[in-house]
Amino acid sequence: MRIAMISDAHGNLHGLDAVLADLDQNGPYDEVIYGGDFAFRGAFPSEVIDRIRERGYRAVRGNTDEFLVEMAREGDYQLSNTEESQRHTPALQLFDRWALDRMTSDQVDYLADLPLRIDIVGPDSARLTIAHATPWSAHVTVLPEAPEADARRMLDEPRAACTAYGHIHHQYRRSVGNGLLTSVGSVGAPMDGDWRAAYVVLTNEGQGWDVEFRRVPYDIEAAQASLLASTLPEREAIAAALRSATR
């Protein structure tokens, strides 16, 4: 079984299109799954959502997807387990409003209906769980150096042999007992010093899950130009961060 997971495009259509072309070139896959955070803080919020839907890929919802739905529905939406410190500040809500002004109500409904996680059973009956941040919340942050108890919960909660997630915009793998915990990186806004779009291929040949990290160059100058030509708040800083691949 061969599963590709892509995540965190954040409105970067140039990065997403490069990854989709790479997927087409290096397939086939049993499935491609999108890991959430479609639209927030990028020049092409609506177009990124459309790309994933046009492909028919299954997806999970990200933390910024939940905030967009909450704003669009004026609070009439239940966020997954969220602490007050994880909520968007008024400054970040400017990005939410900018994205929503370019999205349709149908796109908002699509984000609202996405599941928190997707489970896939491999040929050896080992479960792969895919989530945005954790299997129980789109907002909790689990870093590569997280305490062992937190890392184990990522596998134990869904009873998974492998849990793959996005959210932190870094690629890494970590053995947790007999299981595998991996973060897939970001298609549109890497934060590990490498500006190239990131995704992973998860494979199971009957002896458990393994992960292959992939990086794809794209036309970053065109992506920066699109940002600078937009009215997105803080567009100069966002454009510069695309190249530096830092927060």
C-alpha atoms as a PDB file:
ATOM      1  CA  MET A   1       0.000   0.000   0.000  1.00  0.00           C
ATOM      2  CA  ARG A   2       1.290   3.452  -0.941  1.00  0.00           C
ATOM      3  CA  ILE A   3      -0.311   6.562   0.574  1.00  0.00           C
ATOM      4  CA  ALA A   4       0.809  10.138  -0.149  1.00  0.00           C
ATOM      5  CA  MET A   5       0.058  12.824   2.424  1.00  0.00           C
ATOM      6  CA  ILE A   6       0.269  16.515   1.602  1.00  0.00           C
ATOM      7  CA  SER A   7      -0.591  19.278   4.059  1.00  0.00           C
ATOM      8  CA  ASP A   8      -0.511  22.957   4.956  1.00  0.00           C
ATOM      9  CA  ALA A   9      -0.661  24.704   1.576  1.00  0.00           C
ATOM     10  CA  HIS A  10      -1.818  27.912   3.293  1.00  0.00           C
ATOM     11  CA  GLY A  11      -3.023  29.508   0.082  1.00  0.00           C
ATOM     12  CA  ASN A  12       0.257  28.886  -1.790  1.00  0.00           C
ATOM     13  CA  LEU A  13      -1.084  27.656  -5.119  1.00  0.00           C
ATOM     14  CA  HIS A  14       2.350  27.612  -6.787  1.00  0.00           C
ATOM     15  CA  GLY A  15       3.709  25.209  -4.180  1.00  0.00           C
ATOM     16  CA  LEU A  16       0.611  23.032  -4.292  1.00  0.00           C
ATOM     17  CA  ASP A  17       0.595  22.748  -8.082  1.00  0.00           C
ATOM     18  CA  ALA A  18       4.265  21.705  -8.065  1.00  0.00           C
ATOM     19  CA  VAL A  19       3.501  18.963  -5.530  1.00  0.00           C
ATOM     20  CA  LEU A  20       0.490  17.766  -7.519  1.00  0.00           C
ATOM     21  CA  ALA A  21       2.684  17.507 -10.633  1.00  0.00           C
ATOM     22  CA  ASP A  22       5.262  15.552  -8.628  1.00  0.00           C
ATOM     23  CA  LEU A  23       2.562  13.208  -7.384  1.00  0.00           C
ATOM     24  CA  ASP A  24       1.397  12.615 -10.951  1.00  0.00           C
ATOM     25  CA  GLN A  25       4.949  11.842 -12.038  1.00  0.00           C
ATOM     26  CA  ASN A  26       5.770   9.496  -9.172  1.00  0.00           C
ATOM     27  CA  GLY A  27       2.462   7.624  -8.760  1.00  0.00           C
ATOM     28  CA  PRO A  28       0.398   5.649  -8.673  1.00  0.00           C
ATOM     29  CA  TYR A  29      -0.799   5.813  -5.086  1.00  0.00           C
ATOM     30  CA  ASP A  30      -3.559   3.921  -3.384  1.00  0.00           C
ATOM     31  CA  GLU A  31      -4.676   7.287  -2.051  1.00  0.00           C
ATOM     32  CA  VAL A  32      -3.559  10.885  -1.640  1.00  0.00           C
ATOM     33  CA  ILE A  33      -4.787  12.600   1.516  1.00  0.00           C
ATOM     34  CA  TYR A  34      -4.658  16.291   2.372  1.00  0.00           C
ATOM     35  CA  GLY A  35      -3.782  17.203   5.955  1.00  0.00           C
ATOM     36  CA  GLY A  36      -5.576  20.516   6.465  1.00  0.00           C
ATOM     37  CA  ASP A  37      -4.820  24.257   6.581  1.00  0.00           C
ATOM     38  CA  PHE A  38      -5.929  25.094   3.056  1.00  0.00           C
ATOM     39  CA  ALA A  39      -6.393  28.828   2.896  1.00  0.00           C
ATOM     40  CA  PHE A  40      -5.095  30.929   5.785  1.00  0.00           C
ATOM     41  CA  ARG A  41      -2.356  33.523   5.122  1.00  0.00           C
ATOM     42  CA  GLY A  42      -1.880  32.956   1.395  1.00  0.00           C
ATOM     43  CA  ALA A  43      -2.761  34.625  -1.890  1.00  0.00           C
ATOM     44  CA  PHE A  44      -5.003  31.846  -3.260  1.00  0.00           C
ATOM     45  CA  PRO A  45      -7.344  30.561  -0.519  1.00  0.00           C
ATOM     46  CA  SER A  46     -10.241  29.648  -2.781  1.00  0.00           C
ATOM     47  CA  GLU A  47      -8.094  28.113  -5.509  1.00  0.00           C
ATOM     48  CA  VAL A  48      -6.254  25.798  -3.114  1.00  0.00           C
ATOM     49  CA  ILE A  49      -9.536  24.410  -1.802  1.00  0.00           C
ATOM     50  CA  ASP A  50     -10.749  23.882  -5.365  1.00  0.00           C
ATOM     51  CA  ARG A  51      -7.577  22.027  -6.381  1.00  0.00           C
ATOM     52  CA  ILE A  52      -7.996  19.442  -3.630  1.00  0.00           C
ATOM     53  CA  ARG A  53     -11.707  19.025  -4.278  1.00  0.00           C
ATOM     54  CA  GLU A  54     -11.216  18.696  -8.036  1.00  0.00           C
ATOM     55  CA  ARG A  55      -8.793  15.845  -7.433  1.00  0.00           C
ATOM     56  CA  GLY A  56     -11.257  14.063  -5.178  1.00  0.00           C
ATOM     57  CA  TYR A  57      -8.696  13.679  -2.402  1.00  0.00           C
ATOM     58  CA  ARG A  58      -9.937  12.979   1.075  1.00  0.00           C
ATOM     59  CA  ALA A  59      -8.852  15.558   3.643  1.00  0.00           C
ATOM     60  CA  VAL A  60      -8.856  16.318   7.347  1.00  0.00           C
ATOM     61  CA  ARG A  61      -9.487  19.763   8.794  1.00  0.00           C
ATOM     62  CA  GLY A  62      -6.733  21.967  10.184  1.00  0.00           C
ATOM     63  CA  ASN A  63      -6.764  24.490  12.987  1.00  0.00           C
ATOM     64  CA  THR A  64      -6.982  27.465  10.614  1.00  0.00           C
ATOM     65  CA  ASP A  65      -9.774  25.744   8.693  1.00  0.00           C
ATOM     66  CA  GLU A  66     -11.758  25.550  11.923  1.00  0.00           C
ATOM     67  CA  PHE A  67     -11.177  29.243  12.637  1.00  0.00           C
ATOM     68  CA  LEU A  68     -12.387  30.182   9.154  1.00  0.00           C
ATOM     69  CA  VAL A  69     -15.590  28.217   9.640  1.00  0.00           C
ATOM     70  CA  GLU A  70     -16.113  29.662  13.113  1.00  0.00           C
ATOM     71  CA  MET A  71     -15.789  33.213  11.770  1.00  0.00           C
ATOM     72  CA  ALA A  72     -17.969  32.552   8.733  1.00  0.00           C
ATOM     73  CA  ARG A  73     -20.699  31.120  10.967  1.00  0.00           C
ATOM     74  CA  GLU A  74     -20.318  33.864  13.583  1.00  0.00           C
ATOM     75  CA  GLY A  75     -19.327  31.431  16.318  1.00  0.00           C
ATOM     76  CA  ASP A  76     -21.963  28.801  15.534  1.00  0.00           C
ATOM     77  CA  TYR A  77     -19.396  26.030  15.108  1.00  0.00           C
ATOM     78  CA  GLN A  78     -17.757  23.688  17.605  1.00  0.00           C
ATOM     79  CA  LEU A  79     -13.952  23.786  17.502  1.00  0.00           C
ATOM     80  CA  SER A  80     -12.017  20.656  18.382  1.00  0.00           C
ATOM     81  CA  ASN A  81     -10.208  20.681  21.741  1.00  0.00           C
ATOM     82  CA  THR A  82      -8.795  24.210  21.896  1.00  0.00           C
ATOM     83  CA  GLU A  83      -7.200  26.323  24.600  1.00  0.00           C
ATOM     84  CA  GLU A  84      -7.596  30.081  24.660  1.00  0.00           C
ATOM     85  CA  SER A  85      -3.880  30.530  23.914  1.00  0.00           C
ATOM     86  CA  GLN A  86      -4.333  28.609  20.636  1.00  0.00           C
ATOM     87  CA  ARG A  87      -7.058  30.869  19.294  1.00  0.00           C
ATOM     88  CA  HIS A  88      -6.426  33.489  16.637  1.00  0.00           C
ATOM     89  CA  THR A  89      -5.657  36.962  17.925  1.00  0.00           C
ATOM     90  CA  PRO A  90      -7.378  40.000  16.376  1.00  0.00           C
ATOM     91  CA  ALA A  91      -4.279  40.454  14.160  1.00  0.00           C
ATOM     92  CA  LEU A  92      -4.542  36.876  12.853  1.00  0.00           C
ATOM     93  CA  GLN A  93      -8.278  37.272  12.367  1.00  0.00           C
ATOM     94  CA  LEU A  94      -7.489  39.851   9.681  1.00  0.00           C
ATOM     95  CA  PHE A  95      -6.075  36.972   7.609  1.00  0.00           C
ATOM     96  CA  ASP A  96      -9.185  34.902   8.324  1.00  0.00           C
ATOM     97  CA  ARG A  97     -11.438  37.680   7.077  1.00  0.00           C
ATOM     98  CA  TRP A  98      -9.285  38.255   3.980  1.00  0.00           C
ATOM     99  CA  ALA A  99      -9.528  34.561   3.041  1.00  0.00           C
ATOM    100  CA  LEU A 100     -13.271  34.386   3.731  1.00  0.00           C
ATOM    101  CA  ASP A 101     -13.890  37.387   1.496  1.00  0.00           C
ATOM    102  CA  ARG A 102     -12.537  35.250  -1.367  1.00  0.00           C
ATOM    103  CA  MET A 103     -14.278  31.988  -0.467  1.00  0.00           C
ATOM    104  CA  THR A 104     -17.782  30.747  -1.233  1.00  0.00           C
ATOM    105  CA  SER A 105     -20.286  29.486   1.302  1.00  0.00           C
ATOM    106  CA  ASP A 106     -19.942  26.061  -0.316  1.00  0.00           C
ATOM    107  CA  GLN A 107     -16.215  26.086   0.402  1.00  0.00           C
ATOM    108  CA  VAL A 108     -16.895  27.002   4.021  1.00  0.00           C
ATOM    109  CA  ASP A 109     -19.360  24.111   4.280  1.00  0.00           C
ATOM    110  CA  TYR A 110     -16.736  21.790   2.768  1.00  0.00           C
ATOM    111  CA  LEU A 111     -14.197  22.756   5.445  1.00  0.00           C
ATOM    112  CA  ALA A 112     -16.796  22.399   8.190  1.00  0.00           C
ATOM    113  CA  ASP A 113     -17.651  18.852   7.148  1.00  0.00           C
ATOM    114  CA  LEU A 114     -14.075  17.545   7.070  1.00  0.00           C
ATOM    115  CA  PRO A 115     -13.208  14.902   9.674  1.00  0.00           C
ATOM    116  CA  LEU A 116     -10.601  15.360  12.376  1.00  0.00           C
ATOM    117  CA  ARG A 117      -8.729  12.215  11.318  1.00  0.00           C
ATOM    118  CA  ILE A 118      -8.662   9.485   8.706  1.00  0.00           C
ATOM    119  CA  ASP A 119      -7.720   5.863   9.492  1.00  0.00           C
ATOM    120  CA  ILE A 120      -6.353   3.438   6.891  1.00  0.00           C
ATOM    121  CA  VAL A 121      -5.638  -0.245   7.479  1.00  0.00           C
ATOM    122  CA  GLY A 122      -2.547  -1.612   5.770  1.00  0.00           C
ATOM    123  CA  PRO A 123      -2.162  -5.061   4.184  1.00  0.00           C
ATOM    124  CA  ASP A 124      -0.775  -6.373   7.477  1.00  0.00           C
ATOM    125  CA  SER A 125      -3.765  -4.893   9.407  1.00  0.00           C
ATOM    126  CA  ALA A 126      -1.513  -2.143  10.851  1.00  0.00           C
ATOM    127  CA  ARG A 127      -3.466   1.100  11.176  1.00  0.00           C
ATOM    128  CA  LEU A 128      -2.260   4.393   9.715  1.00  0.00           C
ATOM    129  CA  THR A 129      -3.876   7.478  11.251  1.00  0.00           C
ATOM    130  CA  ILE A 130      -3.719  10.812   9.430  1.00  0.00           C
ATOM    131  CA  ALA A 131      -4.542  14.051  11.252  1.00  0.00           C
ATOM    132  CA  HIS A 132      -3.648  17.713  11.054  1.00  0.00           C
ATOM    133  CA  ALA A 133      -2.204  18.246  14.532  1.00  0.00           C
ATOM    134  CA  THR A 134      -3.255  15.297  16.720  1.00  0.00           C
ATOM    135  CA  PRO A 135      -5.930  12.608  16.443  1.00  0.00           C
ATOM    136  CA  TRP A 136      -7.992  14.435  19.089  1.00  0.00           C
ATOM    137  CA  SER A 137      -7.465  18.102  18.229  1.00  0.00           C
ATOM    138  CA  ALA A 138      -6.623  20.248  15.214  1.00  0.00           C
ATOM    139  CA  HIS A 139      -4.823  22.701  17.503  1.00  0.00           C
ATOM    140  CA  VAL A 140      -2.486  20.854  19.889  1.00  0.00           C
ATOM    141  CA  THR A 141       1.199  21.130  18.922  1.00  0.00           C
ATOM    142  CA  VAL A 142       3.411  18.036  19.147  1.00  0.00           C
ATOM    143  CA  LEU A 143       7.023  18.888  18.320  1.00  0.00           C
ATOM    144  CA  PRO A 144       9.754  16.416  17.313  1.00  0.00           C
ATOM    145  CA  GLU A 145      11.225  16.585  20.826  1.00  0.00           C
ATOM    146  CA  ALA A 146       7.851  16.173  22.583  1.00  0.00           C
ATOM    147  CA  PRO A 147       7.837  14.190  25.830  1.00  0.00           C
ATOM    148  CA  GLU A 148       7.534  10.436  25.379  1.00  0.00           C
ATOM    149  CA  ALA A 149       4.048  10.408  26.901  1.00  0.00           C
ATOM    150  CA  ASP A 150       2.789  12.904  24.309  1.00  0.00           C
ATOM    151  CA  ALA A 151       4.393  10.991  21.463  1.00  0.00           C
ATOM    152  CA  ARG A 152       2.863   7.727  22.683  1.00  0.00           C
ATOM    153  CA  ARG A 153      -0.587   9.307  22.931  1.00  0.00           C
ATOM    154  CA  MET A 154      -0.377  10.196  19.227  1.00  0.00           C
ATOM    155  CA  LEU A 155      -0.323   6.445  18.508  1.00  0.00           C
ATOM    156  CA  ASP A 156      -2.247   5.049  21.476  1.00  0.00           C
ATOM    157  CA  GLU A 157      -5.312   7.293  21.157  1.00  0.00           C
ATOM    158  CA  PRO A 158      -6.204   6.030  17.631  1.00  0.00           C
ATOM    159  CA  ARG A 159      -4.612   2.597  18.236  1.00  0.00           C
ATOM    160  CA  ALA A 160      -2.327   3.232  15.286  1.00  0.00           C
ATOM    161  CA  ALA A 161       0.926   1.660  14.176  1.00  0.00           C
ATOM    162  CA  CYS A 162       1.769   4.955  12.463  1.00  0.00           C
ATOM    163  CA  THR A 163       0.409   8.460  12.921  1.00  0.00           C
ATOM    164  CA  ALA A 164       1.208  11.095  10.279  1.00  0.00           C
ATOM    165  CA  TYR A 165       0.390  14.749  10.829  1.00  0.00           C
ATOM    166  CA  GLY A 166       1.088  18.296   9.639  1.00  0.00           C
ATOM    167  CA  HIS A 167       0.639  21.540  11.598  1.00  0.00           C
ATOM    168  CA  ILE A 168       4.268  22.097  12.701  1.00  0.00           C
ATOM    169  CA  HIS A 169       5.667  22.614   9.161  1.00  0.00           C
ATOM    170  CA  HIS A 170       8.701  20.399   9.860  1.00  0.00           C
ATOM    171  CA  GLN A 171       9.448  16.932   8.501  1.00  0.00           C
ATOM    172  CA  TYR A 172      10.650  14.316  10.970  1.00  0.00           C
ATOM    173  CA  ARG A 173      10.204  10.701  11.944  1.00  0.00           C
ATOM    174  CA  ARG A 174      10.324   9.197  15.412  1.00  0.00           C
ATOM    175  CA  SER A 175      10.116   5.613  16.575  1.00  0.00           C
ATOM    176  CA  VAL A 176       7.747   5.256  19.520  1.00  0.00           C
ATOM    177  CA  GLY A 177       7.927   1.713  20.863  1.00  0.00           C
ATOM    178  CA  ASN A 178       7.060  -0.446  17.866  1.00  0.00           C
ATOM    179  CA  GLY A 179       5.213   2.427  16.196  1.00  0.00           C
ATOM    180  CA  LEU A 180       6.119   5.322  13.915  1.00  0.00           C
ATOM    181  CA  LEU A 181       5.276   8.995  14.432  1.00  0.00           C
ATOM    182  CA  THR A 182       5.950  11.355  11.535  1.00  0.00           C
ATOM    183  CA  SER A 183       5.234  14.928  10.549  1.00  0.00           C
ATOM    184  CA  VAL A 184       4.902  15.549   6.830  1.00  0.00           C
ATOM    185  CA  GLY A 185       6.055  19.172   6.516  1.00  0.00           C
ATOM    186  CA  SER A 186       4.292  21.947   4.633  1.00  0.00           C
ATOM    187  CA  VAL A 187       3.436  22.332   0.958  1.00  0.00           C
ATOM    188  CA  GLY A 188       3.111  26.099   1.130  1.00  0.00           C
ATOM    189  CA  ALA A 189       5.028  27.437   4.129  1.00  0.00           C
ATOM    190  CA  PRO A 190       7.906  25.219   5.328  1.00  0.00           C
ATOM    191  CA  MET A 191       9.567  26.369   8.552  1.00  0.00           C
ATOM    192  CA  ASP A 192      12.652  24.144   8.577  1.00  0.00           C
ATOM    193  CA  GLY A 193      14.957  26.369   6.520  1.00  0.00           C
ATOM    194  CA  ASP A 194      14.233  24.601   3.215  1.00  0.00           C
ATOM    195  CA  TRP A 195      11.825  26.599   1.048  1.00  0.00           C
ATOM    196  CA  ARG A 196      10.883  23.687  -1.227  1.00  0.00           C
ATOM    197  CA  ALA A 197       7.370  22.252  -0.885  1.00  0.00           C
ATOM    198  CA  ALA A 198       7.268  19.178   1.357  1.00  0.00           C
ATOM    199  CA  TYR A 199       5.188  16.025   1.467  1.00  0.00           C
ATOM    200  CA  VAL A 200       5.579  12.328   2.337  1.00  0.00           C
ATOM    201  CA  VAL A 201       4.852   8.908   0.906  1.00  0.00           C
ATOM    202  CA  LEU A 202       3.786   6.289   3.457  1.00  0.00           C
ATOM    203  CA  THR A 203       4.263   2.667   2.427  1.00  0.00           C
ATOM    204  CA  ASN A 204       3.265  -0.687   3.858  1.00  0.00           C
ATOM    205  CA  GLU A 205       4.504  -3.834   2.142  1.00  0.00           C
ATOM    206  CA  GLY A 206       3.082  -6.159   4.768  1.00  0.00           C
ATOM    207  CA  GLN A 207       5.620  -5.465   7.508  1.00  0.00           C
ATOM    208  CA  GLY A 208       4.504  -2.166   8.997  1.00  0.00           C
ATOM    209  CA  TRP A 209       4.530   1.432   7.832  1.00  0.00           C
ATOM    210  CA  ASP A 210       7.530   3.385   6.592  1.00  0.00           C
ATOM    211  CA  VAL A 211       7.877   6.995   5.420  1.00  0.00           C
ATOM    212  CA  GLU A 212       9.716   8.659   2.543  1.00  0.00           C
ATOM    213  CA  PHE A 213      10.241  12.429   2.722  1.00  0.00           C
ATOM    214  CA  ARG A 214       9.986  14.389  -0.507  1.00  0.00           C
ATOM    215  CA  ARG A 215      10.822  18.032  -1.376  1.00  0.00           C
ATOM    216  CA  VAL A 216       9.715  19.754  -4.562  1.00  0.00           C
ATOM    217  CA  PRO A 217      11.088  23.054  -5.939  1.00  0.00           C
ATOM    218  CA  TYR A 218       8.544  25.466  -7.380  1.00  0.00           C
ATOM    219  CA  ASP A 219       8.442  28.952  -8.885  1.00  0.00           C
ATOM    220  CA  ILE A 220       8.941  30.801  -5.621  1.00  0.00           C
ATOM    221  CA  GLU A 221       9.464  34.133  -7.381  1.00  0.00           C
ATOM    222  CA  ALA A 222       6.015  33.835  -8.945  1.00  0.00           C
ATOM    223  CA  ALA A 223       4.540  32.916  -5.569  1.00  0.00           C
ATOM    224  CA  GLN A 224       6.163  35.962  -3.981  1.00  0.00           C
ATOM    225  CA  ALA A 225       4.974  38.201  -6.811  1.00  0.00           C
ATOM    226  CA  SER A 226       1.403  36.980  -6.331  1.00  0.00           C
ATOM    227  CA  LEU A 227       1.569  37.827  -2.655  1.00  0.00           C
ATOM    228  CA  LEU A 228       3.002  41.283  -3.283  1.00  0.00           C
ATOM    229  CA  ALA A 229       0.348  42.005  -5.912  1.00  0.00           C
ATOM    230  CA  SER A 230      -2.442  41.054  -3.490  1.00  0.00           C
ATOM    231  CA  THR A 231      -3.999  43.036  -0.655  1.00  0.00           C
ATOM    232  CA  LEU A 232      -3.149  40.362   1.926  1.00  0.00           C
ATOM    233  CA  PRO A 233      -2.084  41.877   5.260  1.00  0.00           C
ATOM    234  CA  GLU A 234       1.664  41.672   5.960  1.00  0.00           C
ATOM    235  CA  ARG A 235       2.261  40.424   2.425  1.00  0.00           C
ATOM    236  CA  GLU A 236       5.878  41.647   2.313  1.00  0.00           C
ATOM    237  CA  ALA A 237       6.817  39.652   5.416  1.00  0.00           C
ATOM    238  CA  ILE A 238       4.964  36.563   4.188  1.00  0.00           C
ATOM    239  CA  ALA A 239       6.691  36.740   0.807  1.00  0.00           C
ATOM    240  CA  ALA A 240      10.095  36.998   2.480  1.00  0.00           C
ATOM    241  CA  ALA A 241       9.298  34.044   4.763  1.00  0.00           C
ATOM    242  CA  LEU A 242       8.630  31.836   1.747  1.00  0.00           C
ATOM    243  CA  ARG A 243      12.311  32.046   0.832  1.00  0.00           C
ATOM    244  CA  SER A 244      13.778  31.898   4.328  1.00  0.00           C
ATOM    245  CA  ALA A 245      11.397  29.058   5.305  1.00  0.00           C
ATOM    246  CA  THR A 246      11.219  30.357   8.844  1.00  0.00           C
ATOM    247  CA  ARG A 247       8.362  31.587  10.983  1.00  0.00           C
END
